[in-house]
Each structure stands twice: as C-alpha cells, then as structure tokens.
Amino acid sequence: MKNMLLQLKVWKDRRGQDLIEYALMAGFVAVAAGAIMPGVATSISQIFSKVASVLSSANGS
C-alpha cells in the first residue's frame, strides 16, 4: 500500500517539467542553428574538438 501511495506522489510531482522543456527547446535551437548556418556548425565543432583534446591531455597528466 505504501508503495502505491509513493508512486502516486511521484506521478503528481511536476517540479522538473519546466527544466526538461527548456532543455529540449535549447537542443532544438542548437540543431536548427547548425542546420541553417553550416559555417557556424563547423567552427563550433572545431572548438569542441580543441576542448576535448585539452581535457584528454589534462586527464593523462
């Protein structure tokens, strides 16, 4: 019985709903920007590659 009540409380809890919606919207904007502006997508990819290489070299030392 307690388990059922706990499940009902979790089902009604909607506090994280807005955060998920904002994250999805930001993801859609990022994908759309990359599709519309391929030059920007290339430069962003290069920046992330540089950051990844710096992080991997810092992790190795």
Protein backbone atom coordinates (compact mmCIF):
# COMPACT_ATOMS: atom_id res chain seq x y z
CA MET A 1 0.00 0.00 0.00
CA LYS A 2 2.85 2.39 0.84
CA ASN A 3 4.47 1.65 -2.49
CA MET A 4 1.28 2.57 -4.32
CA LEU A 5 0.99 5.86 -2.41
CA LEU A 6 4.62 6.67 -3.20
CA GLN A 7 4.01 6.01 -6.89
CA LEU A 8 1.01 8.33 -6.87
CA LYS A 9 3.04 11.10 -5.24
CA VAL A 10 5.82 10.72 -7.80
CA TRP A 11 3.29 10.72 -10.64
CA LYS A 12 1.80 14.03 -9.44
CA ASP A 13 5.20 15.70 -8.90
CA ARG A 14 5.81 18.08 -11.82
CA ARG A 15 8.63 20.25 -10.48
CA GLY A 16 11.19 19.13 -13.09
CA GLN A 17 8.84 19.54 -16.04
CA ASP A 18 9.89 23.12 -16.88
CA LEU A 19 13.58 22.26 -16.80
CA ILE A 20 13.10 19.42 -19.26
CA GLU A 21 11.08 21.65 -21.57
CA TYR A 22 13.79 24.34 -21.56
CA ALA A 23 16.50 21.76 -22.24
CA LEU A 24 14.56 20.34 -25.18
CA MET A 25 13.97 23.81 -26.58
CA ALA A 26 17.67 24.68 -26.28
CA GLY A 27 18.54 21.44 -28.06
CA PHE A 28 16.14 22.20 -30.90
CA VAL A 29 17.56 25.70 -31.27
CA ALA A 30 21.10 24.33 -31.40
CA VAL A 31 20.18 21.75 -34.06
CA ALA A 32 18.32 24.37 -36.11
CA ALA A 33 21.22 26.81 -35.89
CA GLY A 34 23.62 24.12 -37.04
CA ALA A 35 21.36 23.22 -39.95
CA ILE A 36 20.80 26.81 -41.05
CA MET A 37 24.37 28.03 -40.61
CA PRO A 38 26.83 25.28 -41.61
CA GLY A 39 29.81 27.61 -41.18
CA VAL A 40 28.93 28.17 -37.56
CA ALA A 41 28.45 24.43 -37.04
CA THR A 42 31.96 23.77 -38.37
CA SER A 43 33.55 26.34 -36.09
CA ILE A 44 31.62 25.06 -33.09
CA SER A 45 32.77 21.53 -33.90
CA GLN A 46 36.38 22.71 -34.04
CA ILE A 47 36.04 24.46 -30.69
CA PHE A 48 34.62 21.33 -29.06
CA SER A 49 37.41 19.24 -30.59
CA LYS A 50 40.04 21.57 -29.11
CA VAL A 51 38.35 21.48 -25.71
CA ALA A 52 38.18 17.68 -25.84
CA SER A 53 41.87 17.40 -26.69
CA VAL A 54 42.84 19.77 -23.87
CA LEU A 55 40.70 17.83 -21.40
CA SER A 56 42.10 14.48 -22.50
CA SER A 57 45.68 15.74 -22.22
CA ALA A 58 44.94 17.18 -18.78
CA ASN A 59 43.42 13.86 -17.73
CA GLY A 60 46.51 11.95 -18.86
CA SER A 61 48.97 14.02 -16.83
